[in-house]
């Protein structure tokens, strides 16, 4: 499984598997929003939590269609399905690789982009913590959506339509945690709900994704 993780990380970096793409999109969004809504610091501070979380969500969405599609096209997915590694483990490793190359860079870059959006000082810690808890759920849910559409040509749009409604609870609780932190209010409740979503998705969705992959490989 470590070899599979290393392989996916190398593919993401060398073959344009999404490494850097989401981070570039995140940066562009953070730069364009102040240009669009104006330089008023009070307005930017109010909308910054939602904008940063929407940007993270859309950045994670960009590379989901590559999660299984390349392996499906070159036959590697058939070999992985017959390998001694459980297919559920393959899904989990691919979701982890997606998070390491997309979600983790977003978490590290978020404080810098928060400065561009005039995010209040008390909210920076909550922003990083909420993204650390929430972005793994985005990768796991995305892996499930990618497994459902792996056999379809031009399934990127369908993948987005399937995944976006499942992303909504994570987006709502993540933005709410940052917003409460910016106002100096307790943010433990949305963070616990965010952690619960991530734990539930990580425990259940690899099995659902593996089942979808077995159906598409028949």
C-alpha atoms as a PDB file:
ATOM      1  CA  UNK A   1       0.000   0.000   0.000  1.00  0.00           C
ATOM      2  CA  UNK A   2       2.942   2.301   0.619  1.00  0.00           C
ATOM      3  CA  UNK A   3       4.171   1.542  -2.905  1.00  0.00           C
ATOM      4  CA  UNK A   4       0.733   2.454  -4.299  1.00  0.00           C
ATOM      5  CA  UNK A   5       0.724   5.717  -2.352  1.00  0.00           C
ATOM      6  CA  UNK A   6       4.217   6.557  -3.600  1.00  0.00           C
ATOM      7  CA  UNK A   7       3.182   5.766  -7.163  1.00  0.00           C
ATOM      8  CA  UNK A   8       0.119   8.006  -7.001  1.00  0.00           C
ATOM      9  CA  UNK A   9       2.119  10.855  -5.479  1.00  0.00           C
ATOM     10  CA  UNK A  10       4.700  10.590  -8.248  1.00  0.00           C
ATOM     11  CA  UNK A  11       2.003  10.536 -10.921  1.00  0.00           C
ATOM     12  CA  UNK A  12       0.348  13.586  -9.399  1.00  0.00           C
ATOM     13  CA  UNK A  13       3.611  15.510  -9.477  1.00  0.00           C
ATOM     14  CA  UNK A  14       5.041  14.311 -12.799  1.00  0.00           C
ATOM     15  CA  UNK A  15       1.981  13.647 -14.963  1.00  0.00           C
ATOM     16  CA  UNK A  16      -0.154  16.655 -14.096  1.00  0.00           C
ATOM     17  CA  UNK A  17      -2.394  14.710 -11.753  1.00  0.00           C
ATOM     18  CA  UNK A  18      -3.600  17.856 -10.011  1.00  0.00           C
ATOM     19  CA  UNK A  19      -0.579  18.800  -7.900  1.00  0.00           C
ATOM     20  CA  UNK A  20      -0.382  22.593  -7.854  1.00  0.00           C
ATOM     21  CA  UNK A  21      -3.530  23.019  -9.924  1.00  0.00           C
ATOM     22  CA  UNK A  22      -5.834  23.378  -6.944  1.00  0.00           C
ATOM     23  CA  UNK A  23      -3.376  25.645  -5.160  1.00  0.00           C
ATOM     24  CA  UNK A  24      -3.138  27.921  -8.204  1.00  0.00           C
ATOM     25  CA  UNK A  25      -6.928  28.076  -8.427  1.00  0.00           C
ATOM     26  CA  UNK A  26      -7.145  28.886  -4.711  1.00  0.00           C
ATOM     27  CA  UNK A  27      -4.647  31.728  -5.135  1.00  0.00           C
ATOM     28  CA  UNK A  28      -6.423  33.151  -8.174  1.00  0.00           C
ATOM     29  CA  UNK A  29      -9.748  33.139  -6.338  1.00  0.00           C
ATOM     30  CA  UNK A  30      -8.261  34.924  -3.323  1.00  0.00           C
ATOM     31  CA  UNK A  31      -6.781  37.595  -5.597  1.00  0.00           C
ATOM     32  CA  UNK A  32      -9.881  38.096  -7.746  1.00  0.00           C
ATOM     33  CA  UNK A  33     -12.436  38.383  -4.940  1.00  0.00           C
ATOM     34  CA  UNK A  34     -11.052  41.677  -3.550  1.00  0.00           C
ATOM     35  CA  UNK A  35     -10.951  43.036  -7.094  1.00  0.00           C
ATOM     36  CA  UNK A  36     -14.583  42.064  -7.630  1.00  0.00           C
ATOM     37  CA  UNK A  37     -16.170  43.157  -4.343  1.00  0.00           C
ATOM     38  CA  UNK A  38     -13.914  46.135  -3.640  1.00  0.00           C
ATOM     39  CA  UNK A  39     -11.100  46.865  -1.196  1.00  0.00           C
ATOM     40  CA  UNK A  40     -13.330  47.568   1.822  1.00  0.00           C
ATOM     41  CA  UNK A  41     -11.724  45.640   4.669  1.00  0.00           C
ATOM     42  CA  UNK A  42     -14.942  45.240   6.640  1.00  0.00           C
ATOM     43  CA  UNK A  43     -16.737  43.619   3.701  1.00  0.00           C
ATOM     44  CA  UNK A  44     -13.810  41.299   2.968  1.00  0.00           C
ATOM     45  CA  UNK A  45     -13.532  40.275   6.614  1.00  0.00           C
ATOM     46  CA  UNK A  46     -17.224  39.366   6.625  1.00  0.00           C
ATOM     47  CA  UNK A  47     -17.119  37.155   3.528  1.00  0.00           C
ATOM     48  CA  UNK A  48     -13.580  35.745   3.929  1.00  0.00           C
ATOM     49  CA  UNK A  49     -14.550  32.529   5.804  1.00  0.00           C
ATOM     50  CA  UNK A  50     -17.077  31.522   3.166  1.00  0.00           C
ATOM     51  CA  UNK A  51     -14.837  32.500   0.248  1.00  0.00           C
ATOM     52  CA  UNK A  52     -11.866  30.552   1.582  1.00  0.00           C
ATOM     53  CA  UNK A  53     -13.950  27.448   2.167  1.00  0.00           C
ATOM     54  CA  UNK A  54     -15.669  27.675  -1.231  1.00  0.00           C
ATOM     55  CA  UNK A  55     -12.252  28.079  -2.834  1.00  0.00           C
ATOM     56  CA  UNK A  56     -10.910  25.022  -1.026  1.00  0.00           C
ATOM     57  CA  UNK A  57     -13.950  22.985  -2.062  1.00  0.00           C
ATOM     58  CA  UNK A  58     -13.697  23.935  -5.746  1.00  0.00           C
ATOM     59  CA  UNK A  59      -9.923  23.422  -5.746  1.00  0.00           C
ATOM     60  CA  UNK A  60     -10.393  19.875  -4.446  1.00  0.00           C
ATOM     61  CA  UNK A  61     -13.004  19.280  -7.125  1.00  0.00           C
ATOM     62  CA  UNK A  62     -10.656  20.152 -10.000  1.00  0.00           C
ATOM     63  CA  UNK A  63      -8.586  16.965 -10.006  1.00  0.00           C
ATOM     64  CA  UNK A  64     -11.197  14.415  -8.934  1.00  0.00           C
ATOM     65  CA  UNK A  65     -11.881  13.159 -12.463  1.00  0.00           C
ATOM     66  CA  UNK A  66      -8.256  11.948 -12.657  1.00  0.00           C
ATOM     67  CA  UNK A  67      -8.507   9.884  -9.487  1.00  0.00           C
ATOM     68  CA  UNK A  68      -9.423   6.597 -11.205  1.00  0.00           C
ATOM     69  CA  UNK A  69      -9.835   7.569 -14.866  1.00  0.00           C
ATOM     70  CA  UNK A  70      -6.169   7.251 -15.870  1.00  0.00           C
ATOM     71  CA  UNK A  71      -5.833   3.840 -14.215  1.00  0.00           C
ATOM     72  CA  UNK A  72      -9.090   2.742 -15.842  1.00  0.00           C
ATOM     73  CA  UNK A  73      -7.899   3.781 -19.302  1.00  0.00           C
ATOM     74  CA  UNK A  74      -4.512   2.038 -19.181  1.00  0.00           C
ATOM     75  CA  UNK A  75      -5.784  -1.115 -17.455  1.00  0.00           C
ATOM     76  CA  UNK A  76      -4.012  -0.509 -14.150  1.00  0.00           C
ATOM     77  CA  UNK A  77      -7.315  -0.476 -12.312  1.00  0.00           C
ATOM     78  CA  UNK A  78      -8.042  -4.050 -13.406  1.00  0.00           C
ATOM     79  CA  UNK A  79      -4.684  -5.139 -12.022  1.00  0.00           C
ATOM     80  CA  UNK A  80      -5.342  -3.307  -8.748  1.00  0.00           C
ATOM     81  CA  UNK A  81      -8.743  -4.985  -8.484  1.00  0.00           C
ATOM     82  CA  UNK A  82      -7.111  -8.423  -8.699  1.00  0.00           C
ATOM     83  CA  UNK A  83      -4.140  -7.568  -6.472  1.00  0.00           C
ATOM     84  CA  UNK A  84      -3.834  -8.897  -2.902  1.00  0.00           C
ATOM     85  CA  UNK A  85      -4.639  -5.393  -1.633  1.00  0.00           C
ATOM     86  CA  UNK A  86      -8.380  -5.011  -0.900  1.00  0.00           C
ATOM     87  CA  UNK A  87     -10.051  -2.632  -3.329  1.00  0.00           C
ATOM     88  CA  UNK A  88     -11.323  -0.642  -0.361  1.00  0.00           C
ATOM     89  CA  UNK A  89      -7.694  -0.077   0.615  1.00  0.00           C
ATOM     90  CA  UNK A  90      -6.884   1.080  -2.919  1.00  0.00           C
ATOM     91  CA  UNK A  91      -9.682   3.652  -2.710  1.00  0.00           C
ATOM     92  CA  UNK A  92      -8.455   4.857   0.685  1.00  0.00           C
ATOM     93  CA  UNK A  93      -4.867   5.189  -0.550  1.00  0.00           C
ATOM     94  CA  UNK A  94      -5.953   7.133  -3.638  1.00  0.00           C
ATOM     95  CA  UNK A  95      -8.064   9.450  -1.489  1.00  0.00           C
ATOM     96  CA  UNK A  96      -5.054   9.958   0.803  1.00  0.00           C
ATOM     97  CA  UNK A  97      -2.816  10.741  -2.182  1.00  0.00           C
ATOM     98  CA  UNK A  98      -5.401  13.242  -3.424  1.00  0.00           C
ATOM     99  CA  UNK A  99      -5.485  14.931  -0.028  1.00  0.00           C
ATOM    100  CA  UNK A 100      -1.683  15.068   0.241  1.00  0.00           C
ATOM    101  CA  UNK A 101      -1.331  16.689  -3.193  1.00  0.00           C
ATOM    102  CA  UNK A 102      -4.422  18.926  -3.066  1.00  0.00           C
ATOM    103  CA  UNK A 103      -5.939  19.300   0.397  1.00  0.00           C
ATOM    104  CA  UNK A 104      -2.743  19.647   2.447  1.00  0.00           C
ATOM    105  CA  UNK A 105      -1.256  22.420   0.244  1.00  0.00           C
ATOM    106  CA  UNK A 106      -4.547  24.297   0.591  1.00  0.00           C
ATOM    107  CA  UNK A 107      -4.361  24.018   4.380  1.00  0.00           C
ATOM    108  CA  UNK A 108      -0.810  25.393   4.374  1.00  0.00           C
ATOM    109  CA  UNK A 109      -1.628  28.232   1.961  1.00  0.00           C
ATOM    110  CA  UNK A 110      -4.915  29.264   3.582  1.00  0.00           C
ATOM    111  CA  UNK A 111      -3.407  31.620   6.223  1.00  0.00           C
ATOM    112  CA  UNK A 112      -1.514  33.566   3.542  1.00  0.00           C
ATOM    113  CA  UNK A 113      -4.647  33.879   1.422  1.00  0.00           C
ATOM    114  CA  UNK A 114      -6.597  34.850   4.539  1.00  0.00           C
ATOM    115  CA  UNK A 115      -4.357  37.933   4.782  1.00  0.00           C
ATOM    116  CA  UNK A 116      -5.341  38.894   1.224  1.00  0.00           C
ATOM    117  CA  UNK A 117      -9.011  38.653   2.218  1.00  0.00           C
ATOM    118  CA  UNK A 118      -8.513  40.600   5.466  1.00  0.00           C
ATOM    119  CA  UNK A 119      -9.516  37.632   7.613  1.00  0.00           C
ATOM    120  CA  UNK A 120      -9.667  38.707  11.287  1.00  0.00           C
ATOM    121  CA  UNK A 121      -6.672  37.611  13.361  1.00  0.00           C
ATOM    122  CA  UNK A 122      -8.547  35.299  15.775  1.00  0.00           C
ATOM    123  CA  UNK A 123      -9.937  33.292  12.837  1.00  0.00           C
ATOM    124  CA  UNK A 124      -6.612  32.090  11.394  1.00  0.00           C
ATOM    125  CA  UNK A 125      -6.212  29.194  13.806  1.00  0.00           C
ATOM    126  CA  UNK A 126      -9.812  28.136  13.309  1.00  0.00           C
ATOM    127  CA  UNK A 127      -9.360  28.329   9.537  1.00  0.00           C
ATOM    128  CA  UNK A 128      -6.373  25.973   9.572  1.00  0.00           C
ATOM    129  CA  UNK A 129      -8.030  23.599  12.045  1.00  0.00           C
ATOM    130  CA  UNK A 130     -11.307  23.484  10.114  1.00  0.00           C
ATOM    131  CA  UNK A 131      -9.496  22.786   6.844  1.00  0.00           C
ATOM    132  CA  UNK A 132      -7.409  20.058   8.491  1.00  0.00           C
ATOM    133  CA  UNK A 133     -10.593  18.401   9.731  1.00  0.00           C
ATOM    134  CA  UNK A 134     -12.726  18.992   6.651  1.00  0.00           C
ATOM    135  CA  UNK A 135     -10.557  18.594   3.549  1.00  0.00           C
ATOM    136  CA  UNK A 136     -10.002  14.827   4.080  1.00  0.00           C
ATOM    137  CA  UNK A 137     -13.769  14.414   3.805  1.00  0.00           C
ATOM    138  CA  UNK A 138     -13.688  16.283   0.483  1.00  0.00           C
ATOM    139  CA  UNK A 139     -11.111  13.828  -0.870  1.00  0.00           C
ATOM    140  CA  UNK A 140     -12.948  10.719   0.356  1.00  0.00           C
ATOM    141  CA  UNK A 141     -16.336  11.909  -0.904  1.00  0.00           C
ATOM    142  CA  UNK A 142     -14.678  12.852  -4.187  1.00  0.00           C
ATOM    143  CA  UNK A 143     -13.184   9.360  -4.474  1.00  0.00           C
ATOM    144  CA  UNK A 144     -16.673   7.913  -4.122  1.00  0.00           C
ATOM    145  CA  UNK A 145     -17.990  10.191  -6.868  1.00  0.00           C
ATOM    146  CA  UNK A 146     -15.028   9.378  -9.109  1.00  0.00           C
ATOM    147  CA  UNK A 147     -15.669   5.649  -8.628  1.00  0.00           C
ATOM    148  CA  UNK A 148     -19.289   6.087  -9.706  1.00  0.00           C
ATOM    149  CA  UNK A 149     -18.323   7.874 -12.945  1.00  0.00           C
ATOM    150  CA  UNK A 150     -15.070   6.089 -13.804  1.00  0.00           C
ATOM    151  CA  UNK A 151     -16.521   4.203 -16.773  1.00  0.00           C
ATOM    152  CA  UNK A 152     -18.208   7.212 -18.357  1.00  0.00           C
ATOM    153  CA  UNK A 153     -16.736   9.349 -21.106  1.00  0.00           C
ATOM    154  CA  UNK A 154     -16.655  13.036 -20.216  1.00  0.00           C
ATOM    155  CA  UNK A 155     -17.946  12.223 -16.756  1.00  0.00           C
ATOM    156  CA  UNK A 156     -16.393  15.311 -15.170  1.00  0.00           C
ATOM    157  CA  UNK A 157     -19.621  17.322 -15.212  1.00  0.00           C
ATOM    158  CA  UNK A 158     -21.642  14.426 -13.850  1.00  0.00           C
ATOM    159  CA  UNK A 159     -19.026  13.912 -11.160  1.00  0.00           C
ATOM    160  CA  UNK A 160     -19.390  17.544 -10.092  1.00  0.00           C
ATOM    161  CA  UNK A 161     -23.177  17.261  -9.974  1.00  0.00           C
ATOM    162  CA  UNK A 162     -22.958  14.112  -7.848  1.00  0.00           C
ATOM    163  CA  UNK A 163     -20.327  15.344  -5.436  1.00  0.00           C
ATOM    164  CA  UNK A 164     -21.326  18.964  -4.816  1.00  0.00           C
ATOM    165  CA  UNK A 165     -24.512  18.156  -2.831  1.00  0.00           C
ATOM    166  CA  UNK A 166     -22.470  15.775  -0.653  1.00  0.00           C
ATOM    167  CA  UNK A 167     -19.941  18.552  -0.048  1.00  0.00           C
ATOM    168  CA  UNK A 168     -22.529  20.981   1.320  1.00  0.00           C
ATOM    169  CA  UNK A 169     -22.482  19.884   5.016  1.00  0.00           C
ATOM    170  CA  UNK A 170     -18.685  20.096   5.096  1.00  0.00           C
ATOM    171  CA  UNK A 171     -18.786  23.549   3.517  1.00  0.00           C
ATOM    172  CA  UNK A 172     -21.465  24.809   5.893  1.00  0.00           C
ATOM    173  CA  UNK A 173     -19.812  23.611   9.102  1.00  0.00           C
ATOM    174  CA  UNK A 174     -16.311  24.587   7.965  1.00  0.00           C
ATOM    175  CA  UNK A 175     -17.296  28.142   7.073  1.00  0.00           C
ATOM    176  CA  UNK A 176     -19.382  28.419  10.243  1.00  0.00           C
ATOM    177  CA  UNK A 177     -16.426  27.404  12.428  1.00  0.00           C
ATOM    178  CA  UNK A 178     -14.194  30.059  10.867  1.00  0.00           C
ATOM    179  CA  UNK A 179     -16.937  32.678  11.048  1.00  0.00           C
ATOM    180  CA  UNK A 180     -17.541  31.979  14.745  1.00  0.00           C
ATOM    181  CA  UNK A 181     -13.826  32.114  15.412  1.00  0.00           C
ATOM    182  CA  UNK A 182     -13.597  35.485  13.669  1.00  0.00           C
ATOM    183  CA  UNK A 183     -16.341  36.825  15.948  1.00  0.00           C
ATOM    184  CA  UNK A 184     -14.797  35.393  19.089  1.00  0.00           C
ATOM    185  CA  UNK A 185     -17.636  32.911  19.575  1.00  0.00           C
ATOM    186  CA  UNK A 186     -17.225  29.219  20.550  1.00  0.00           C
ATOM    187  CA  UNK A 187     -16.531  27.132  17.438  1.00  0.00           C
ATOM    188  CA  UNK A 188     -16.311  23.680  19.022  1.00  0.00           C
ATOM    189  CA  UNK A 189     -19.734  22.502  17.817  1.00  0.00           C
ATOM    190  CA  UNK A 190     -19.184  23.015  14.045  1.00  0.00           C
ATOM    191  CA  UNK A 191     -15.680  21.585  14.366  1.00  0.00           C
ATOM    192  CA  UNK A 192     -17.000  18.445  16.066  1.00  0.00           C
ATOM    193  CA  UNK A 193     -19.630  18.064  13.351  1.00  0.00           C
ATOM    194  CA  UNK A 194     -16.914  18.547  10.743  1.00  0.00           C
ATOM    195  CA  UNK A 195     -14.776  15.868  12.379  1.00  0.00           C
ATOM    196  CA  UNK A 196     -17.804  13.563  12.517  1.00  0.00           C
ATOM    197  CA  UNK A 197     -18.437  13.991   8.794  1.00  0.00           C
ATOM    198  CA  UNK A 198     -14.808  13.202   8.011  1.00  0.00           C
ATOM    199  CA  UNK A 199     -14.782  10.162  10.294  1.00  0.00           C
ATOM    200  CA  UNK A 200     -18.043   8.820   8.868  1.00  0.00           C
ATOM    201  CA  UNK A 201     -16.973   9.377   5.265  1.00  0.00           C
ATOM    202  CA  UNK A 202     -13.585   7.746   5.865  1.00  0.00           C
ATOM    203  CA  UNK A 203     -15.188   4.718   7.533  1.00  0.00           C
ATOM    204  CA  UNK A 204     -17.999   4.087   5.029  1.00  0.00           C
ATOM    205  CA  UNK A 205     -17.300   5.571   1.612  1.00  0.00           C
ATOM    206  CA  UNK A 206     -14.233   3.474   0.656  1.00  0.00           C
ATOM    207  CA  UNK A 207     -16.492   0.407   0.783  1.00  0.00           C
ATOM    208  CA  UNK A 208     -19.172   2.115  -1.318  1.00  0.00           C
ATOM    209  CA  UNK A 209     -16.547   3.327  -3.804  1.00  0.00           C
ATOM    210  CA  UNK A 210     -15.001  -0.157  -4.062  1.00  0.00           C
ATOM    211  CA  UNK A 211     -18.448  -1.608  -4.772  1.00  0.00           C
ATOM    212  CA  UNK A 212     -18.988   0.969  -7.540  1.00  0.00           C
ATOM    213  CA  UNK A 213     -15.589   0.180  -9.044  1.00  0.00           C
ATOM    214  CA  UNK A 214     -16.338  -3.555  -9.127  1.00  0.00           C
ATOM    215  CA  UNK A 215     -19.565  -2.849 -10.995  1.00  0.00           C
ATOM    216  CA  UNK A 216     -17.792  -0.602 -13.534  1.00  0.00           C
ATOM    217  CA  UNK A 217     -15.038  -3.160 -14.095  1.00  0.00           C
ATOM    218  CA  UNK A 218     -17.419  -5.980 -15.007  1.00  0.00           C
END
